[in-house]
Protein backbone atom coordinates (compact mmCIF):
# COMPACT_ATOMS: atom_id res chain seq x y z
CA MET A 1 175.58 130.61 152.33
CA SER A 2 173.80 133.93 152.46
CA LEU A 3 172.19 135.22 155.64
CA LEU A 4 169.35 137.67 155.12
CA GLN A 5 167.88 139.57 158.00
CA CYS A 6 165.39 142.33 158.52
CA THR A 7 166.35 144.84 161.15
CA SER A 8 164.43 147.80 162.45
CA THR A 9 165.31 151.03 164.14
CA PHE A 10 163.36 153.00 166.75
CA LYS A 11 161.80 156.10 165.18
CA GLY A 12 160.13 157.61 168.24
CA TRP A 13 156.69 157.81 169.76
CA LYS A 14 153.44 158.19 167.87
CA LYS A 15 149.94 158.66 169.18
CA GLU A 16 149.34 154.91 168.71
CA GLY A 17 152.54 153.93 170.55
CA LEU A 18 156.08 153.07 169.57
CA ALA A 19 157.12 153.61 165.96
CA PHE A 20 159.73 151.54 164.18
CA ALA A 21 161.02 151.57 160.63
CA HIS A 22 162.88 148.92 158.69
CA LYS A 23 166.54 149.67 158.16
CA THR A 24 167.56 149.66 154.55
CA ILE A 25 169.91 146.80 153.94
CA ASP A 26 171.41 145.83 150.63
CA CYS A 27 170.48 142.16 150.46
CA GLY A 28 169.62 142.13 146.76
CA ILE A 29 165.96 141.28 147.35
CA TYR A 30 163.28 143.93 147.09
CA SER A 31 160.12 143.78 149.14
CA ASP A 32 157.23 146.26 149.36
CA ALA A 33 155.24 147.14 152.41
CA GLU A 34 152.24 144.84 152.41
CA SER A 35 148.61 145.40 153.29
CA GLU A 36 146.68 143.64 156.04
CA ASP A 37 144.67 141.87 153.32
CA HIS A 38 147.88 140.55 151.78
CA GLU A 39 149.22 139.36 155.13
CA GLU A 40 145.91 137.66 155.94
CA GLY A 41 145.73 136.07 152.49
CA LYS A 42 149.20 134.58 152.82
CA GLN A 43 148.27 133.10 156.18
CA ILE A 44 145.07 131.58 154.75
CA ILE A 45 147.11 129.97 151.95
CA ALA A 46 149.72 128.68 154.44
CA ASN A 47 147.03 127.22 156.73
CA TRP A 48 145.31 125.55 153.79
CA LEU A 49 148.59 123.99 152.63
CA GLU A 50 149.45 122.80 156.15
CA GLU A 51 146.06 121.07 156.40
CA ARG A 52 146.45 119.31 153.05
CA PHE A 53 150.15 118.48 153.35
CA PRO A 54 150.78 118.00 157.10
CA LYS A 55 154.24 116.44 156.59
CA ALA A 56 155.48 119.23 154.32
CA LYS A 57 157.37 122.31 155.44
CA VAL A 58 155.27 125.45 154.82
CA GLU A 59 156.86 128.88 155.14
CA VAL A 60 155.43 132.38 154.78
CA GLU A 61 157.72 134.98 153.18
CA LYS A 62 160.40 132.51 152.14
CA ARG A 63 163.53 134.26 150.91
CA LEU A 64 165.14 132.58 147.91
CA PRO A 65 168.57 134.21 147.58
CA ASP A 66 169.59 132.10 144.56
CA ILE A 67 166.99 133.89 142.45
CA GLN A 68 166.69 137.03 144.61
CA GLN A 69 162.97 136.56 145.20
CA ILE A 70 160.67 136.17 148.16
CA ALA A 71 157.79 133.72 147.83
CA ASP A 72 154.61 134.74 149.65
CA VAL A 73 154.12 131.12 150.73
CA PHE A 74 156.57 128.31 150.08
CA ILE A 75 156.10 124.58 150.56
CA THR A 76 158.74 121.87 150.50
CA HIS A 77 157.45 118.32 150.35
CA MET A 78 159.41 116.12 152.76
CA GLU A 79 158.12 112.65 151.90
CA GLY A 80 155.86 110.59 149.69
CA GLU A 81 155.53 110.87 145.95
CA LEU A 82 156.06 114.66 146.11
CA LYS A 83 159.26 114.39 148.19
CA GLY A 84 161.81 117.00 147.19
CA ARG A 85 159.36 119.12 145.21
CA SER A 86 158.90 122.77 146.09
CA TRP A 87 156.04 125.09 145.28
CA ALA A 88 155.80 128.87 145.58
CA PHE A 89 152.44 130.56 146.00
CA GLU A 90 152.07 134.22 145.09
CA PHE A 91 149.04 136.11 146.37
CA GLN A 92 148.92 139.01 143.92
CA LEU A 93 146.92 142.00 145.12
CA SER A 94 148.85 144.81 143.49
CA PRO A 95 149.27 145.50 139.78
CA LEU A 96 151.98 143.44 138.10
CA SER A 97 153.27 143.88 134.56
CA ASN A 98 153.59 140.94 132.20
CA GLU A 99 157.34 141.52 132.15
CA LYS A 100 157.58 141.39 135.97
CA TRP A 101 155.45 138.23 136.05
CA ASP A 102 157.75 136.65 133.43
CA GLU A 103 160.80 137.58 135.49
CA ARG A 104 159.36 136.03 138.67
CA HIS A 105 157.94 132.95 136.91
CA ASN A 106 161.22 132.31 135.08
CA GLY A 107 163.15 132.75 138.33
CA TYR A 108 161.11 130.01 139.98
CA LYS A 109 161.39 127.82 136.90
CA SER A 110 165.19 128.23 136.83
CA VAL A 111 165.48 126.54 140.25
CA ASN A 112 162.79 123.92 139.59
CA ILE A 113 160.09 125.49 141.77
CA GLN A 114 156.47 125.25 140.58
CA ASP A 115 154.79 128.63 141.03
CA PHE A 116 151.08 129.21 141.61
CA TRP A 117 149.53 132.66 141.29
CA ILE A 118 146.37 133.68 143.13
CA LEU A 119 145.07 136.89 141.62
CA ASP A 120 142.94 139.38 143.53
CA LYS A 121 139.34 139.88 142.42
CA LYS A 122 140.29 143.17 140.78
CA PHE A 123 142.03 141.11 138.10
CA ILE A 124 138.72 139.38 137.29
CA LYS A 125 136.23 141.10 135.05
CA PHE A 126 132.77 139.88 134.10
CA SER A 127 130.88 140.19 130.84
CA LYS A 128 128.15 142.81 130.66
CA ALA A 129 126.53 141.23 127.62
CA LYS A 130 122.75 140.97 127.76
CA GLY A 131 121.54 137.57 128.85
CA VAL A 132 125.00 136.53 130.10
CA GLU A 133 125.57 136.31 133.83
CA HIS A 134 128.83 135.66 135.63
CA ALA A 135 130.77 135.06 132.41
CA ARG A 136 134.35 135.73 133.33
CA LEU A 137 136.52 137.83 131.06
CA ARG A 138 140.27 137.55 131.37
CA SER A 139 142.23 140.53 132.65
CA LYS A 140 145.49 141.37 130.91
CA LEU A 141 147.63 139.57 133.49
CA ASP A 142 145.19 136.66 133.79
CA ALA A 143 145.16 136.19 130.01
CA TYR A 144 148.93 136.55 129.79
CA ILE A 145 149.54 133.88 132.45
CA PHE A 146 147.02 131.56 130.78
CA ASN A 147 148.64 132.00 127.36
CA ARG A 148 152.07 131.21 128.80
CA THR A 149 151.13 128.28 131.07
CA ARG A 150 147.65 127.14 129.97
CA MET A 151 146.67 127.41 133.65
CA CYS A 152 144.92 130.21 135.46
């Protein structure tokens, strides 16, 4: 069993108050600093899942050491016809290469976890053709995911 923990160290005082920084630990899983929008988005997804699947276990920032990934939101179904199934939700606000998406998608797939990707509006482009309103064009990542999974 692997125990992963995030520790912090006191850095001093700032105008706004105490300042802490995460200690660097070699746990094999990389995680970026995240924006307020990303944190809020993950909580919205988690709340939505909890409402729809009240008997499931929903976790934000679920560490998956077997594949060295962290799911933004993770749900494990505890009973019913979905019992034993796990889903990972990724709320993607920052740029992501096709290769990095493949790596993450294949990681989930290797441990039988269904992954769902929610792409930020910057990934969505609209047609500027005359007489066409709100026609969605696929971004590179959006098109890539669709071509690989037929979902997006």
